N, C-alpha and C. Protein backbone atom coordinates (compact mmCIF):
# COMPACT_ATOMS: atom_id res chain seq x y z
N MET A 1 22.82 218.32 -17.83
CA MET A 1 23.51 218.03 -16.59
C MET A 1 24.49 216.88 -16.78
N LYS A 2 25.58 216.98 -16.07
CA LYS A 2 26.59 215.93 -16.09
C LYS A 2 26.64 215.26 -14.72
N PRO A 3 26.85 213.94 -14.70
CA PRO A 3 27.01 213.26 -13.41
C PRO A 3 28.29 213.72 -12.71
N GLU A 4 28.21 213.90 -11.41
CA GLU A 4 29.36 214.30 -10.61
C GLU A 4 29.56 213.29 -9.48
N HIS A 5 30.74 213.27 -8.91
CA HIS A 5 31.07 212.42 -7.75
C HIS A 5 30.76 210.95 -8.02
N PHE A 6 31.11 210.47 -9.21
CA PHE A 6 30.85 209.09 -9.61
C PHE A 6 31.73 208.14 -8.80
N SER A 7 31.12 207.08 -8.28
CA SER A 7 31.89 206.04 -7.60
C SER A 7 31.28 204.68 -7.91
N GLU A 8 32.15 203.69 -7.98
CA GLU A 8 31.70 202.33 -8.25
C GLU A 8 32.53 201.40 -7.37
N ARG A 9 31.85 200.51 -6.66
CA ARG A 9 32.57 199.59 -5.78
C ARG A 9 31.79 198.29 -5.66
N LYS A 10 32.52 197.24 -5.32
CA LYS A 10 31.89 195.94 -5.11
C LYS A 10 31.75 195.71 -3.61
N VAL A 11 30.59 195.26 -3.21
CA VAL A 11 30.33 194.96 -1.80
C VAL A 11 29.73 193.56 -1.70
N ASP A 12 29.89 192.97 -0.54
CA ASP A 12 29.33 191.65 -0.27
C ASP A 12 28.01 191.82 0.47
N VAL A 13 26.95 191.24 -0.09
CA VAL A 13 25.63 191.30 0.54
C VAL A 13 25.18 189.86 0.76
N ASP A 14 25.31 189.39 1.99
CA ASP A 14 24.93 188.02 2.35
C ASP A 14 25.54 186.97 1.43
N GLY A 15 26.82 187.14 1.12
CA GLY A 15 27.51 186.16 0.30
C GLY A 15 27.42 186.40 -1.20
N TRP A 16 26.67 187.39 -1.63
CA TRP A 16 26.53 187.74 -3.04
C TRP A 16 27.40 188.96 -3.33
N GLN A 17 28.10 188.96 -4.45
CA GLN A 17 28.85 190.13 -4.88
C GLN A 17 27.89 191.10 -5.57
N VAL A 18 27.86 192.34 -5.09
CA VAL A 18 26.98 193.36 -5.65
C VAL A 18 27.83 194.56 -6.04
N ASN A 19 27.62 195.04 -7.25
CA ASN A 19 28.30 196.22 -7.73
C ASN A 19 27.42 197.43 -7.42
N LEU A 20 27.95 198.39 -6.68
CA LEU A 20 27.20 199.57 -6.24
C LEU A 20 27.76 200.79 -6.98
N THR A 21 26.92 201.41 -7.81
CA THR A 21 27.32 202.58 -8.59
C THR A 21 26.53 203.78 -8.08
N THR A 22 27.25 204.85 -7.72
CA THR A 22 26.61 206.04 -7.16
C THR A 22 27.15 207.29 -7.85
N TYR A 23 26.25 208.23 -8.13
CA TYR A 23 26.67 209.51 -8.70
C TYR A 23 25.64 210.58 -8.36
N GLN A 24 26.06 211.83 -8.47
CA GLN A 24 25.17 212.95 -8.20
C GLN A 24 24.77 213.58 -9.52
N LEU A 25 23.47 213.82 -9.68
CA LEU A 25 22.94 214.47 -10.87
C LEU A 25 22.07 215.62 -10.39
N GLY A 26 22.57 216.83 -10.55
CA GLY A 26 21.86 217.98 -9.99
C GLY A 26 21.99 217.95 -8.48
N ASP A 27 20.85 218.02 -7.78
CA ASP A 27 20.89 217.98 -6.32
C ASP A 27 20.46 216.62 -5.76
N LYS A 28 20.30 215.63 -6.63
CA LYS A 28 19.89 214.28 -6.21
C LYS A 28 21.02 213.28 -6.43
N TRP A 29 21.04 212.25 -5.58
CA TRP A 29 22.02 211.17 -5.69
C TRP A 29 21.33 209.93 -6.25
N HIS A 30 21.98 209.30 -7.22
CA HIS A 30 21.45 208.09 -7.86
C HIS A 30 22.37 206.92 -7.53
N THR A 31 21.75 205.80 -7.16
CA THR A 31 22.52 204.59 -6.86
C THR A 31 21.88 203.41 -7.58
N LYS A 32 22.72 202.59 -8.19
CA LYS A 32 22.26 201.36 -8.83
C LYS A 32 23.04 200.20 -8.23
N ALA A 33 22.33 199.16 -7.82
CA ALA A 33 22.97 197.94 -7.33
C ALA A 33 22.68 196.84 -8.34
N ASP A 34 23.74 196.15 -8.77
CA ASP A 34 23.54 195.04 -9.71
C ASP A 34 24.34 193.83 -9.29
N ASN A 35 23.86 192.69 -9.70
CA ASN A 35 24.51 191.42 -9.43
C ASN A 35 25.72 191.34 -10.35
N VAL A 36 26.90 191.20 -9.81
CA VAL A 36 28.15 191.28 -10.57
C VAL A 36 28.21 190.22 -11.67
N SER A 37 27.85 188.99 -11.36
CA SER A 37 28.03 187.90 -12.31
C SER A 37 27.23 188.10 -13.60
N PRO A 38 25.90 188.15 -13.56
CA PRO A 38 25.20 188.40 -14.82
C PRO A 38 25.05 189.89 -15.14
N GLY A 39 25.29 190.75 -14.16
CA GLY A 39 25.17 192.19 -14.39
C GLY A 39 23.75 192.70 -14.40
N ALA A 40 22.83 191.93 -13.87
CA ALA A 40 21.42 192.33 -13.85
C ALA A 40 21.17 193.38 -12.77
N ALA A 41 20.51 194.46 -13.14
CA ALA A 41 20.21 195.51 -12.18
C ALA A 41 19.20 195.00 -11.16
N LEU A 42 19.54 195.14 -9.90
CA LEU A 42 18.65 194.73 -8.82
C LEU A 42 17.75 195.89 -8.39
N VAL A 43 18.35 197.06 -8.26
CA VAL A 43 17.60 198.20 -7.73
C VAL A 43 18.23 199.50 -8.20
N ARG A 44 17.39 200.50 -8.39
CA ARG A 44 17.83 201.87 -8.69
C ARG A 44 17.14 202.79 -7.70
N ILE A 45 17.91 203.64 -7.06
CA ILE A 45 17.40 204.52 -6.00
C ILE A 45 17.82 205.96 -6.30
N VAL A 46 16.91 206.90 -6.03
CA VAL A 46 17.22 208.34 -6.09
C VAL A 46 16.90 208.91 -4.71
N ALA A 47 17.85 209.64 -4.13
CA ALA A 47 17.66 210.20 -2.79
C ALA A 47 18.37 211.55 -2.70
N ASP A 48 18.16 212.23 -1.58
CA ASP A 48 18.74 213.55 -1.37
C ASP A 48 20.22 213.51 -0.99
N THR A 49 20.67 212.40 -0.37
CA THR A 49 22.06 212.30 0.05
C THR A 49 22.66 210.98 -0.45
N ARG A 50 23.99 210.97 -0.54
CA ARG A 50 24.68 209.75 -0.96
C ARG A 50 24.42 208.61 0.01
N GLU A 51 24.51 208.92 1.30
CA GLU A 51 24.33 207.89 2.32
C GLU A 51 22.93 207.28 2.25
N ALA A 52 21.93 208.11 2.07
CA ALA A 52 20.56 207.61 1.99
C ALA A 52 20.37 206.73 0.75
N ALA A 53 20.88 207.17 -0.38
CA ALA A 53 20.73 206.40 -1.61
C ALA A 53 21.42 205.05 -1.50
N GLU A 54 22.64 205.03 -0.98
CA GLU A 54 23.37 203.77 -0.87
C GLU A 54 22.75 202.84 0.15
N SER A 55 22.31 203.36 1.29
CA SER A 55 21.73 202.48 2.31
C SER A 55 20.40 201.91 1.84
N LEU A 56 19.58 202.70 1.15
CA LEU A 56 18.31 202.18 0.62
C LEU A 56 18.56 201.12 -0.45
N ALA A 57 19.54 201.36 -1.32
CA ALA A 57 19.85 200.40 -2.38
C ALA A 57 20.37 199.09 -1.79
N LEU A 58 21.25 199.17 -0.80
CA LEU A 58 21.78 197.95 -0.18
C LEU A 58 20.70 197.19 0.58
N ALA A 59 19.81 197.89 1.25
CA ALA A 59 18.73 197.23 1.99
C ALA A 59 17.80 196.50 1.03
N ARG A 60 17.45 197.15 -0.08
CA ARG A 60 16.56 196.51 -1.06
C ARG A 60 17.25 195.33 -1.74
N ALA A 61 18.53 195.48 -2.08
CA ALA A 61 19.28 194.39 -2.71
C ALA A 61 19.36 193.20 -1.76
N LYS A 62 19.60 193.47 -0.47
CA LYS A 62 19.66 192.39 0.52
C LYS A 62 18.33 191.66 0.59
N LYS A 63 17.24 192.39 0.55
CA LYS A 63 15.91 191.77 0.60
C LYS A 63 15.67 190.90 -0.63
N LEU A 64 16.02 191.41 -1.81
CA LEU A 64 15.82 190.63 -3.03
C LEU A 64 16.72 189.40 -3.09
N LEU A 65 17.98 189.56 -2.71
CA LEU A 65 18.91 188.43 -2.78
C LEU A 65 18.62 187.36 -1.72
N SER A 66 17.99 187.75 -0.62
CA SER A 66 17.65 186.76 0.41
C SER A 66 16.59 185.79 -0.09
N ARG A 67 15.82 186.18 -1.09
CA ARG A 67 14.79 185.31 -1.65
C ARG A 67 15.32 184.43 -2.77
N THR A 68 16.55 184.64 -3.20
CA THR A 68 17.14 183.89 -4.29
C THR A 68 17.73 182.59 -3.79
N GLN A 69 17.38 181.51 -4.46
CA GLN A 69 17.91 180.20 -4.07
C GLN A 69 19.25 179.98 -4.76
N ARG A 70 20.17 179.41 -4.00
CA ARG A 70 21.48 179.05 -4.56
C ARG A 70 21.49 177.58 -4.92
N ARG A 71 22.05 177.30 -6.08
CA ARG A 71 22.19 175.90 -6.50
C ARG A 71 23.64 175.50 -6.31
N LEU A 72 23.84 174.44 -5.58
CA LEU A 72 25.20 173.98 -5.30
C LEU A 72 25.62 172.88 -6.24
């Protein structure tokens, strides 16, 4: 199988830059959210629709990043 409908975009999640990568593999949609600066994967989601995969990934990323302390 080859990935189809690949998209990659940067979004702001509570002041953090998050890179959101989404693609379709077969009949499932895969989304990965990572922290842009170090590139560490925050969450990987597989769902039936693009919207579901992206919303679940963003919700989980928001939850994880809200627990991260910022050093000024």
